[in-house]
Amino acid sequence: MSDLTARWITDAEKPSDAPTIGWCGGDLSQPTWETYLSRLTEDEQQVVTAIKEAHERDGLDVYGDDMNEGGFLLSDGRFFQCSWRAWGDLRQAFVNKQEGYLRYYAGV
């Protein structure tokens, strides 16, 4: 795959020159991790895999509403930020339980 890594940072920590990857979501199909990856380009697969690894490595308990405060800085200098629904899609794919994006939508 790639050596791309990611780490969670706040918007205040985001370098001003970091190109931002914006992602929207709300996928009602509740894909497994494998299905989620199969729908992406190779670059997108590397990005979300790095984010999944950061999420697991750092024990992050990040919900959709946390996306208002930050995102993931990638080792290549890009910044990944997404909508609440996109994060819900991604996180539900991480855990591979097909619970749907709403399970991870807001940390209430």
PDB file of N, CA and C in Angstrom:
ATOM      1  N   MET A   1       0.841  -1.173   0.000  1.00  0.00           N
ATOM      2  CA  MET A   1       0.000   0.000   0.000  1.00  0.00           C
ATOM      3  C   MET A   1       0.891   1.243   0.000  1.00  0.00           C
ATOM      4  N   SER A   2       0.900   1.959   1.120  1.00  0.00           N
ATOM      5  CA  SER A   2       1.675   3.191   1.184  1.00  0.00           C
ATOM      6  C   SER A   2       2.170   3.412   2.599  1.00  0.00           C
ATOM      7  N   ASP A   3       3.063   4.364   2.717  1.00  0.00           N
ATOM      8  CA  ASP A   3       3.581   4.721   4.036  1.00  0.00           C
ATOM      9  C   ASP A   3       2.848   5.933   4.605  1.00  0.00           C
ATOM     10  N   LEU A   4       1.715   6.279   4.018  1.00  0.00           N
ATOM     11  CA  LEU A   4       0.952   7.430   4.464  1.00  0.00           C
ATOM     12  C   LEU A   4       0.457   7.207   5.884  1.00  0.00           C
ATOM     13  N   THR A   5       0.637   8.217   6.737  1.00  0.00           N
ATOM     14  CA  THR A   5       0.134   8.161   8.102  1.00  0.00           C
ATOM     15  C   THR A   5      -0.759   9.375   8.350  1.00  0.00           C
ATOM     16  N   ALA A   6      -1.524   9.312   9.418  1.00  0.00           N
ATOM     17  CA  ALA A   6      -2.437  10.399   9.764  1.00  0.00           C
ATOM     18  C   ALA A   6      -2.433  10.597  11.267  1.00  0.00           C
ATOM     19  N   ARG A   7      -2.788  11.820  11.665  1.00  0.00           N
ATOM     20  CA  ARG A   7      -2.997  12.096  13.090  1.00  0.00           C
ATOM     21  C   ARG A   7      -4.070  13.157  13.215  1.00  0.00           C
ATOM     22  N   TRP A   8      -4.874  13.022  14.270  1.00  0.00           N
ATOM     23  CA  TRP A   8      -5.959  13.970  14.542  1.00  0.00           C
ATOM     24  C   TRP A   8      -5.359  15.284  15.024  1.00  0.00           C
ATOM     25  N   ILE A   9      -5.822  16.387  14.468  1.00  0.00           N
ATOM     26  CA  ILE A   9      -5.438  17.716  14.950  1.00  0.00           C
ATOM     27  C   ILE A   9      -6.674  18.605  14.964  1.00  0.00           C
ATOM     28  N   THR A  10      -6.587  19.674  15.723  1.00  0.00           N
ATOM     29  CA  THR A  10      -7.683  20.644  15.743  1.00  0.00           C
ATOM     30  C   THR A  10      -7.525  21.595  14.555  1.00  0.00           C
ATOM     31  N   ASP A  11      -8.593  22.296  14.250  1.00  0.00           N
ATOM     32  CA  ASP A  11      -8.530  23.284  13.174  1.00  0.00           C
ATOM     33  C   ASP A  11      -7.451  24.329  13.456  1.00  0.00           C
ATOM     34  N   ALA A  12      -7.266  24.690  14.720  1.00  0.00           N
ATOM     35  CA  ALA A  12      -6.264  25.695  15.088  1.00  0.00           C
ATOM     36  C   ALA A  12      -4.845  25.215  14.793  1.00  0.00           C
ATOM     37  N   GLU A  13      -4.628  23.900  14.812  1.00  0.00           N
ATOM     38  CA  GLU A  13      -3.306  23.331  14.547  1.00  0.00           C
ATOM     39  C   GLU A  13      -3.034  23.119  13.056  1.00  0.00           C
ATOM     40  N   LYS A  14      -4.051  23.236  12.236  1.00  0.00           N
ATOM     41  CA  LYS A  14      -3.921  22.968  10.808  1.00  0.00           C
ATOM     42  C   LYS A  14      -2.978  23.988  10.161  1.00  0.00           C
ATOM     43  N   PRO A  15      -1.958  23.512   9.457  1.00  0.00           N
ATOM     44  CA  PRO A  15      -1.077  24.443   8.745  1.00  0.00           C
ATOM     45  C   PRO A  15      -1.879  25.219   7.698  1.00  0.00           C
ATOM     46  N   SER A  16      -1.643  26.499   7.598  1.00  0.00           N
ATOM     47  CA  SER A  16      -2.434  27.336   6.697  1.00  0.00           C
ATOM     48  C   SER A  16      -2.267  26.947   5.230  1.00  0.00           C
ATOM     49  N   ASP A  17      -1.154  26.324   4.893  1.00  0.00           N
ATOM     50  CA  ASP A  17      -0.912  25.955   3.499  1.00  0.00           C
ATOM     51  C   ASP A  17      -1.278  24.498   3.187  1.00  0.00           C
ATOM     52  N   ALA A  18      -1.903  23.806   4.119  1.00  0.00           N
ATOM     53  CA  ALA A  18      -2.251  22.391   3.905  1.00  0.00           C
ATOM     54  C   ALA A  18      -3.421  22.280   2.939  1.00  0.00           C
ATOM     55  N   PRO A  19      -3.231  21.574   1.823  1.00  0.00           N
ATOM     56  CA  PRO A  19      -4.367  21.326   0.937  1.00  0.00           C
ATOM     57  C   PRO A  19      -5.397  20.470   1.674  1.00  0.00           C
ATOM     58  N   THR A  20      -6.657  20.838   1.568  1.00  0.00           N
ATOM     59  CA  THR A  20      -7.710  20.138   2.308  1.00  0.00           C
ATOM     60  C   THR A  20      -8.473  19.180   1.405  1.00  0.00           C
ATOM     61  N   ILE A  21      -8.655  17.979   1.905  1.00  0.00           N
ATOM     62  CA  ILE A  21      -9.513  16.993   1.263  1.00  0.00           C
ATOM     63  C   ILE A  21     -10.842  17.077   1.990  1.00  0.00           C
ATOM     64  N   GLY A  22     -11.892  17.443   1.309  1.00  0.00           N
ATOM     65  CA  GLY A  22     -13.218  17.519   1.904  1.00  0.00           C
ATOM     66  C   GLY A  22     -14.048  16.325   1.486  1.00  0.00           C
ATOM     67  N   TRP A  23     -14.822  15.776   2.403  1.00  0.00           N
ATOM     68  CA  TRP A  23     -15.557  14.558   2.133  1.00  0.00           C
ATOM     69  C   TRP A  23     -16.966  14.698   2.686  1.00  0.00           C
ATOM     70  N   CYS A  24     -17.973  14.360   1.874  1.00  0.00           N
ATOM     71  CA  CYS A  24     -19.371  14.362   2.320  1.00  0.00           C
ATOM     72  C   CYS A  24     -19.872  12.928   2.351  1.00  0.00           C
ATOM     73  N   GLY A  25     -20.922  12.693   3.099  1.00  0.00           N
ATOM     74  CA  GLY A  25     -21.410  11.325   3.237  1.00  0.00           C
ATOM     75  C   GLY A  25     -22.879  11.224   3.526  1.00  0.00           C
ATOM     76  N   GLY A  26     -23.255  10.080   4.062  1.00  0.00           N
ATOM     77  CA  GLY A  26     -24.637   9.749   4.358  1.00  0.00           C
ATOM     78  C   GLY A  26     -25.056   8.498   3.610  1.00  0.00           C
ATOM     79  N   ASP A  27     -24.155   7.527   3.540  1.00  0.00           N
ATOM     80  CA  ASP A  27     -24.361   6.287   2.801  1.00  0.00           C
ATOM     81  C   ASP A  27     -25.284   5.354   3.587  1.00  0.00           C
ATOM     82  N   LEU A  28     -26.452   5.111   3.052  1.00  0.00           N
ATOM     83  CA  LEU A  28     -27.423   4.254   3.736  1.00  0.00           C
ATOM     84  C   LEU A  28     -27.178   2.763   3.505  1.00  0.00           C
ATOM     85  N   SER A  29     -26.192   2.425   2.652  1.00  0.00           N
ATOM     86  CA  SER A  29     -25.949   1.006   2.354  1.00  0.00           C
ATOM     87  C   SER A  29     -25.175   0.289   3.459  1.00  0.00           C
ATOM     88  N   GLN A  30     -24.606   1.024   4.418  1.00  0.00           N
ATOM     89  CA  GLN A  30     -23.880   0.448   5.555  1.00  0.00           C
ATOM     90  C   GLN A  30     -22.814  -0.557   5.097  1.00  0.00           C
ATOM     91  N   PRO A  31     -21.861  -0.102   4.279  1.00  0.00           N
ATOM     92  CA  PRO A  31     -20.882  -1.042   3.723  1.00  0.00           C
ATOM     93  C   PRO A  31     -19.911  -1.593   4.757  1.00  0.00           C
ATOM     94  N   THR A  32     -19.450  -2.800   4.489  1.00  0.00           N
ATOM     95  CA  THR A  32     -18.349  -3.352   5.269  1.00  0.00           C
ATOM     96  C   THR A  32     -17.096  -2.567   4.901  1.00  0.00           C
ATOM     97  N   TRP A  33     -16.016  -2.771   5.645  1.00  0.00           N
ATOM     98  CA  TRP A  33     -14.750  -2.090   5.349  1.00  0.00           C
ATOM     99  C   TRP A  33     -14.281  -2.444   3.938  1.00  0.00           C
ATOM    100  N   GLU A  34     -14.339  -3.705   3.574  1.00  0.00           N
ATOM    101  CA  GLU A  34     -13.901  -4.123   2.242  1.00  0.00           C
ATOM    102  C   GLU A  34     -14.734  -3.472   1.149  1.00  0.00           C
ATOM    103  N   THR A  35     -16.039  -3.427   1.324  1.00  0.00           N
ATOM    104  CA  THR A  35     -16.909  -2.796   0.328  1.00  0.00           C
ATOM    105  C   THR A  35     -16.643  -1.300   0.266  1.00  0.00           C
ATOM    106  N   TYR A  36     -16.485  -0.679   1.417  1.00  0.00           N
ATOM    107  CA  TYR A  36     -16.184   0.758   1.461  1.00  0.00           C
ATOM    108  C   TYR A  36     -14.921   1.050   0.643  1.00  0.00           C
ATOM    109  N   LEU A  37     -13.855   0.298   0.911  1.00  0.00           N
ATOM    110  CA  LEU A  37     -12.594   0.499   0.186  1.00  0.00           C
ATOM    111  C   LEU A  37     -12.742   0.254  -1.305  1.00  0.00           C
ATOM    112  N   SER A  38     -13.523  -0.736  -1.684  1.00  0.00           N
ATOM    113  CA  SER A  38     -13.655  -1.099  -3.101  1.00  0.00           C
ATOM    114  C   SER A  38     -14.269   0.010  -3.944  1.00  0.00           C
ATOM    115  N   ARG A  39     -14.941   0.946  -3.316  1.00  0.00           N
ATOM    116  CA  ARG A  39     -15.603   2.049  -4.025  1.00  0.00           C
ATOM    117  C   ARG A  39     -14.683   3.261  -4.218  1.00  0.00           C
ATOM    118  N   LEU A  40     -13.470   3.179  -3.707  1.00  0.00           N
ATOM    119  CA  LEU A  40     -12.568   4.332  -3.700  1.00  0.00           C
ATOM    120  C   LEU A  40     -11.411   4.166  -4.679  1.00  0.00           C
ATOM    121  N   THR A  41     -10.818   5.295  -5.050  1.00  0.00           N
ATOM    122  CA  THR A  41      -9.598   5.261  -5.855  1.00  0.00           C
ATOM    123  C   THR A  41      -8.453   4.770  -4.980  1.00  0.00           C
ATOM    124  N   GLU A  42      -7.338   4.457  -5.590  1.00  0.00           N
ATOM    125  CA  GLU A  42      -6.187   3.988  -4.813  1.00  0.00           C
ATOM    126  C   GLU A  42      -5.723   5.058  -3.817  1.00  0.00           C
ATOM    127  N   ASP A  43      -5.687   6.312  -4.245  1.00  0.00           N
ATOM    128  CA  ASP A  43      -5.278   7.384  -3.332  1.00  0.00           C
ATOM    129  C   ASP A  43      -6.249   7.506  -2.168  1.00  0.00           C
ATOM    130  N   GLU A  44      -7.541   7.476  -2.451  1.00  0.00           N
ATOM    131  CA  GLU A  44      -8.545   7.563  -1.384  1.00  0.00           C
ATOM    132  C   GLU A  44      -8.434   6.385  -0.427  1.00  0.00           C
ATOM    133  N   GLN A  45      -8.151   5.200  -0.942  1.00  0.00           N
ATOM    134  CA  GLN A  45      -7.960   4.025  -0.089  1.00  0.00           C
ATOM    135  C   GLN A  45      -6.798   4.243   0.870  1.00  0.00           C
ATOM    136  N   GLN A  46      -5.707   4.818   0.365  1.00  0.00           N
ATOM    137  CA  GLN A  46      -4.541   5.075   1.210  1.00  0.00           C
ATOM    138  C   GLN A  46      -4.864   6.097   2.292  1.00  0.00           C
ATOM    139  N   VAL A  47      -5.628   7.123   1.927  1.00  0.00           N
ATOM    140  CA  VAL A  47      -6.004   8.158   2.893  1.00  0.00           C
ATOM    141  C   VAL A  47      -6.867   7.567   4.006  1.00  0.00           C
ATOM    142  N   VAL A  48      -7.942   6.872   3.655  1.00  0.00           N
ATOM    143  CA  VAL A  48      -8.843   6.366   4.692  1.00  0.00           C
ATOM    144  C   VAL A  48      -8.194   5.241   5.500  1.00  0.00           C
ATOM    145  N   THR A  49      -7.296   4.481   4.894  1.00  0.00           N
ATOM    146  CA  THR A  49      -6.579   3.453   5.643  1.00  0.00           C
ATOM    147  C   THR A  49      -5.655   4.094   6.673  1.00  0.00           C
ATOM    148  N   ALA A  50      -4.980   5.175   6.299  1.00  0.00           N
ATOM    149  CA  ALA A  50      -4.128   5.898   7.254  1.00  0.00           C
ATOM    150  C   ALA A  50      -4.966   6.466   8.395  1.00  0.00           C
ATOM    151  N   ILE A  51      -6.148   6.959   8.080  1.00  0.00           N
ATOM    152  CA  ILE A  51      -7.032   7.505   9.110  1.00  0.00           C
ATOM    153  C   ILE A  51      -7.532   6.387  10.027  1.00  0.00           C
ATOM    154  N   LYS A  52      -7.891   5.256   9.462  1.00  0.00           N
ATOM    155  CA  LYS A  52      -8.323   4.103  10.266  1.00  0.00           C
ATOM    156  C   LYS A  52      -7.200   3.680  11.217  1.00  0.00           C
ATOM    157  N   GLU A  53      -5.982   3.612  10.700  1.00  0.00           N
ATOM    158  CA  GLU A  53      -4.841   3.217  11.534  1.00  0.00           C
ATOM    159  C   GLU A  53      -4.606   4.219  12.659  1.00  0.00           C
ATOM    160  N   ALA A  54      -4.735   5.521  12.362  1.00  0.00           N
ATOM    161  CA  ALA A  54      -4.575   6.552  13.399  1.00  0.00           C
ATOM    162  C   ALA A  54      -5.668   6.419  14.449  1.00  0.00           C
ATOM    163  N   HIS A  55      -6.881   6.198  13.999  1.00  0.00           N
ATOM    164  CA  HIS A  55      -8.023   6.050  14.896  1.00  0.00           C
ATOM    165  C   HIS A  55      -7.792   4.897  15.865  1.00  0.00           C
ATOM    166  N   GLU A  56      -7.321   3.782  15.349  1.00  0.00           N
ATOM    167  CA  GLU A  56      -7.069   2.606  16.190  1.00  0.00           C
ATOM    168  C   GLU A  56      -5.824   2.790  17.056  1.00  0.00           C
ATOM    169  N   ARG A  57      -4.752   3.292  16.467  1.00  0.00           N
ATOM    170  CA  ARG A  57      -3.479   3.469  17.180  1.00  0.00           C
ATOM    171  C   ARG A  57      -3.635   4.432  18.353  1.00  0.00           C
ATOM    172  N   ASP A  58      -4.333   5.529  18.127  1.00  0.00           N
ATOM    173  CA  ASP A  58      -4.448   6.579  19.134  1.00  0.00           C
ATOM    174  C   ASP A  58      -5.668   6.416  20.032  1.00  0.00           C
ATOM    175  N   GLY A  59      -6.480   5.393  19.790  1.00  0.00           N
ATOM    176  CA  GLY A  59      -7.665   5.153  20.613  1.00  0.00           C
ATOM    177  C   GLY A  59      -8.642   6.320  20.572  1.00  0.00           C
ATOM    178  N   LEU A  60      -8.803   6.915  19.407  1.00  0.00           N
ATOM    179  CA  LEU A  60      -9.667   8.091  19.283  1.00  0.00           C
ATOM    180  C   LEU A  60     -11.131   7.717  19.441  1.00  0.00           C
ATOM    181  N   ASP A  61     -11.850   8.538  20.152  1.00  0.00           N
ATOM    182  CA  ASP A  61     -13.287   8.389  20.294  1.00  0.00           C
ATOM    183  C   ASP A  61     -13.920   9.615  19.637  1.00  0.00           C
ATOM    184  N   VAL A  62     -13.774   9.670  18.329  1.00  0.00           N
ATOM    185  CA  VAL A  62     -14.196  10.834  17.550  1.00  0.00           C
ATOM    186  C   VAL A  62     -15.536  10.534  16.898  1.00  0.00           C
ATOM    187  N   TYR A  63     -16.487  11.443  17.086  1.00  0.00           N
ATOM    188  CA  TYR A  63     -17.801  11.336  16.468  1.00  0.00           C
ATOM    189  C   TYR A  63     -17.958  12.421  15.420  1.00  0.00           C
ATOM    190  N   GLY A  64     -19.042  12.359  14.683  1.00  0.00           N
ATOM    191  CA  GLY A  64     -19.280  13.310  13.605  1.00  0.00           C
ATOM    192  C   GLY A  64     -19.215  14.760  14.039  1.00  0.00           C
ATOM    193  N   ASP A  65     -19.773  15.067  15.204  1.00  0.00           N
ATOM    194  CA  ASP A  65     -19.783  16.457  15.639  1.00  0.00           C
ATOM    195  C   ASP A  65     -18.376  16.967  15.963  1.00  0.00           C
ATOM    196  N   ASP A  66     -17.429  16.063  16.198  1.00  0.00           N
ATOM    197  CA  ASP A  66     -16.038  16.469  16.414  1.00  0.00           C
ATOM    198  C   ASP A  66     -15.421  17.028  15.143  1.00  0.00           C
ATOM    199  N   MET A  67     -16.016  16.737  13.997  1.00  0.00           N
ATOM    200  CA  MET A  67     -15.492  17.234  12.725  1.00  0.00           C
ATOM    201  C   MET A  67     -15.621  18.748  12.613  1.00  0.00           C
ATOM    202  N   ASN A  68     -16.421  19.360  13.494  1.00  0.00           N
ATOM    203  CA  ASN A  68     -16.495  20.823  13.529  1.00  0.00           C
ATOM    204  C   ASN A  68     -15.228  21.430  14.123  1.00  0.00           C
ATOM    205  N   GLU A  69     -14.439  20.623  14.812  1.00  0.00           N
ATOM    206  CA  GLU A  69     -13.281  21.124  15.554  1.00  0.00           C
ATOM    207  C   GLU A  69     -11.938  20.714  14.973  1.00  0.00           C
ATOM    208  N   GLY A  70     -11.911  19.780  14.017  1.00  0.00           N
ATOM    209  CA  GLY A  70     -10.627  19.322  13.511  1.00  0.00           C
ATOM    210  C   GLY A  70     -10.753  18.323  12.396  1.00  0.00           C
ATOM    211  N   GLY A  71      -9.642  17.610  12.181  1.00  0.00           N
ATOM    212  CA  GLY A  71      -9.577  16.611  11.120  1.00  0.00           C
ATOM    213  C   GLY A  71      -8.255  15.871  11.235  1.00  0.00           C
ATOM    214  N   PHE A  72      -7.840  15.262  10.161  1.00  0.00           N
ATOM    215  CA  PHE A  72      -6.629  14.450  10.166  1.00  0.00           C
ATOM    216  C   PHE A  72      -5.559  15.057   9.265  1.00  0.00           C
ATOM    217  N   LEU A  73      -4.397  15.293   9.845  1.00  0.00           N
ATOM    218  CA  LEU A  73      -3.251  15.750   9.077  1.00  0.00           C
ATOM    219  C   LEU A  73      -2.529  14.518   8.566  1.00  0.00           C
ATOM    220  N   LEU A  74      -2.339  14.454   7.258  1.00  0.00           N
ATOM    221  CA  LEU A  74      -1.664  13.326   6.630  1.00  0.00           C
ATOM    222  C   LEU A  74      -0.177  13.622   6.517  1.00  0.00           C
ATOM    223  N   SER A  75       0.627  12.573   6.505  1.00  0.00           N
ATOM    224  CA  SER A  75       2.082  12.735   6.483  1.00  0.00           C
ATOM    225  C   SER A  75       2.582  13.399   5.204  1.00  0.00           C
ATOM    226  N   ASP A  76       1.758  13.449   4.169  1.00  0.00           N
ATOM    227  CA  ASP A  76       2.163  14.133   2.935  1.00  0.00           C
ATOM    228  C   ASP A  76       1.754  15.608   2.925  1.00  0.00           C
ATOM    229  N   GLY A  77       1.232  16.096   4.072  1.00  0.00           N
ATOM    230  CA  GLY A  77       0.898  17.506   4.217  1.00  0.00           C
ATOM    231  C   GLY A  77      -0.545  17.860   3.944  1.00  0.00           C
ATOM    232  N   ARG A  78      -1.337  16.929   3.445  1.00  0.00           N
ATOM    233  CA  ARG A  78      -2.753  17.204   3.205  1.00  0.00           C
ATOM    234  C   ARG A  78      -3.531  17.092   4.510  1.00  0.00           C
ATOM    235  N   PHE A  79      -4.678  17.761   4.542  1.00  0.00           N
ATOM    236  CA  PHE A  79      -5.557  17.763   5.705  1.00  0.00           C
ATOM    237  C   PHE A  79      -6.893  17.168   5.279  1.00  0.00           C
ATOM    238  N   PHE A  80      -7.353  16.144   5.996  1.00  0.00           N
ATOM    239  CA  PHE A  80      -8.618  15.482   5.701  1.00  0.00           C
ATOM    240  C   PHE A  80      -9.662  15.963   6.687  1.00  0.00           C
ATOM    241  N   GLN A  81     -10.708  16.548   6.147  1.00  0.00           N
ATOM    242  CA  GLN A  81     -11.817  17.016   6.976  1.00  0.00           C
ATOM    243  C   GLN A  81     -13.098  16.587   6.290  1.00  0.00           C
ATOM    244  N   CYS A  82     -14.070  16.181   7.066  1.00  0.00           N
ATOM    245  CA  CYS A  82     -15.282  15.686   6.447  1.00  0.00           C
ATOM    246  C   CYS A  82     -16.529  16.108   7.202  1.00  0.00           C
ATOM    247  N   SER A  83     -17.646  15.861   6.565  1.00  0.00           N
ATOM    248  CA  SER A  83     -18.932  16.148   7.196  1.00  0.00           C
ATOM    249  C   SER A  83     -19.204  15.115   8.294  1.00  0.00           C
ATOM    250  N   TRP A  84     -20.174  15.435   9.128  1.00  0.00           N
ATOM    251  CA  TRP A  84     -20.575  14.489  10.184  1.00  0.00           C
ATOM    252  C   TRP A  84     -20.980  13.156   9.564  1.00  0.00           C
ATOM    253  N   ARG A  85     -21.769  13.223   8.499  1.00  0.00           N
ATOM    254  CA  ARG A  85     -22.251  11.993   7.861  1.00  0.00           C
ATOM    255  C   ARG A  85     -21.104  11.201   7.243  1.00  0.00           C
ATOM    256  N   ALA A  86     -20.161  11.889   6.624  1.00  0.00           N
ATOM    257  CA  ALA A  86     -19.013  11.193   6.026  1.00  0.00           C
ATOM    258  C   ALA A  86     -18.197  10.486   7.098  1.00  0.00           C
ATOM    259  N   TRP A  87     -18.017  11.152   8.246  1.00  0.00           N
ATOM    260  CA  TRP A  87     -17.285  10.499   9.327  1.00  0.00           C
ATOM    261  C   TRP A  87     -18.062   9.293   9.836  1.00  0.00           C
ATOM    262  N   GLY A  88     -19.378   9.427   9.943  1.00  0.00           N
ATOM    263  CA  GLY A  88     -20.201   8.291  10.358  1.00  0.00           C
ATOM    264  C   GLY A  88     -20.060   7.127   9.390  1.00  0.00           C
ATOM    265  N   ASP A  89     -20.077   7.420   8.093  1.00  0.00           N
ATOM    266  CA  ASP A  89     -19.875   6.373   7.082  1.00  0.00           C
ATOM    267  C   ASP A  89     -18.537   5.683   7.288  1.00  0.00           C
ATOM    268  N   LEU A  90     -17.508   6.488   7.419  1.00  0.00           N
ATOM    269  CA  LEU A  90     -16.155   5.962   7.535  1.00  0.00           C
ATOM    270  C   LEU A  90     -15.978   5.158   8.823  1.00  0.00           C
ATOM    271  N   ARG A  91     -16.428   5.723   9.923  1.00  0.00           N
ATOM    272  CA  ARG A  91     -16.231   5.037  11.208  1.00  0.00           C
ATOM    273  C   ARG A  91     -17.037   3.746  11.287  1.00  0.00           C
ATOM    274  N   GLN A  92     -18.255   3.733  10.752  1.00  0.00           N
ATOM    275  CA  GLN A  92     -19.030   2.492  10.795  1.00  0.00           C
ATOM    276  C   GLN A  92     -18.361   1.444   9.918  1.00  0.00           C
ATOM    277  N   ALA A  93     -17.683   1.859   8.853  1.00  0.00           N
ATOM    278  CA  ALA A  93     -16.929   0.899   8.035  1.00  0.00           C
ATOM    279  C   ALA A  93     -15.713   0.386   8.805  1.00  0.00           C
ATOM    280  N   PHE A  94     -15.045   1.281   9.565  1.00  0.00           N
ATOM    281  CA  PHE A  94     -13.889   0.865  10.380  1.00  0.00           C
ATOM    282  C   PHE A  94     -14.246  -0.321  11.265  1.00  0.00           C
ATOM    283  N   VAL A  95     -15.352  -0.206  11.982  1.00  0.00           N
ATOM    284  CA  VAL A  95     -15.712  -1.222  12.969  1.00  0.00           C
ATOM    285  C   VAL A  95     -16.368  -2.442  12.328  1.00  0.00           C
ATOM    286  N   ASN A  96     -16.772  -2.281  11.068  1.00  0.00           N
ATOM    287  CA  ASN A  96     -17.233  -3.410  10.254  1.00  0.00           C
ATOM    288  C   ASN A  96     -18.461  -4.109  10.833  1.00  0.00           C
ATOM    289  N   LYS A  97     -19.351  -3.320  11.457  1.00  0.00           N
ATOM    290  CA  LYS A  97     -20.546  -3.918  12.055  1.00  0.00           C
ATOM    291  C   LYS A  97     -21.821  -3.587  11.284  1.00  0.00           C
ATOM    292  N   GLN A  98     -21.702  -2.789  10.241  1.00  0.00           N
ATOM    293  CA  GLN A  98     -22.836  -2.388   9.414  1.00  0.00           C
ATOM    294  C   GLN A  98     -23.977  -1.797  10.251  1.00  0.00           C
ATOM    295  N   GLU A  99     -23.596  -0.886  11.165  1.00  0.00           N
ATOM    296  CA  GLU A  99     -24.566  -0.239  12.050  1.00  0.00           C
ATOM    297  C   GLU A  99     -25.155   1.027  11.446  1.00  0.00           C
ATOM    298  N   GLY A 100     -24.569   1.524  10.383  1.00  0.00           N
ATOM    299  CA  GLY A 100     -25.050   2.749   9.764  1.00  0.00           C
ATOM    300  C   GLY A 100     -24.338   3.976  10.295  1.00  0.00           C
ATOM    301  N   TYR A 101     -24.321   5.008   9.473  1.00  0.00           N
ATOM    302  CA  TYR A 101     -23.581   6.217   9.827  1.00  0.00           C
ATOM    303  C   TYR A 101     -24.136   6.935  11.045  1.00  0.00           C
ATOM    304  N   LEU A 102     -25.422   6.827  11.308  1.00  0.00           N
ATOM    305  CA  LEU A 102     -26.025   7.559  12.430  1.00  0.00           C
ATOM    306  C   LEU A 102     -25.465   7.112  13.784  1.00  0.00           C
ATOM    307  N   ARG A 103     -24.995   5.880  13.867  1.00  0.00           N
ATOM    308  CA  ARG A 103     -24.406   5.377  15.118  1.00  0.00           C
ATOM    309  C   ARG A 103     -23.201   6.216  15.540  1.00  0.00           C
ATOM    310  N   TYR A 104     -22.514   6.810  14.561  1.00  0.00           N
ATOM    311  CA  TYR A 104     -21.291   7.582  14.816  1.00  0.00           C
ATOM    312  C   TYR A 104     -21.453   9.047  14.444  1.00  0.00           C
ATOM    313  N   TYR A 105     -22.675   9.474  14.275  1.00  0.00           N
ATOM    314  CA  TYR A 105     -22.988  10.821  13.799  1.00  0.00           C
ATOM    315  C   TYR A 105     -22.679  11.904  14.829  1.00  0.00           C
ATOM    316  N   ALA A 106     -23.145  11.734  16.036  1.00  0.00           N
ATOM    317  CA  ALA A 106     -22.933  12.740  17.086  1.00  0.00           C
ATOM    318  C   ALA A 106     -22.624  12.061  18.406  1.00  0.00           C
ATOM    319  N   GLY A 107     -21.684  12.605  19.117  1.00  0.00           N
ATOM    320  CA  GLY A 107     -21.272  12.031  20.397  1.00  0.00           C
ATOM    321  C   GLY A 107     -22.155  12.489  21.545  1.00  0.00           C
ATOM    322  N   VAL A 108     -23.410  12.127  21.483  1.00  0.00           N
ATOM    323  CA  VAL A 108     -24.343  12.535  22.542  1.00  0.00           C
ATOM    324  C   VAL A 108     -24.598  11.401  23.509  1.00  0.00           C
TER     325      VAL A 108
END
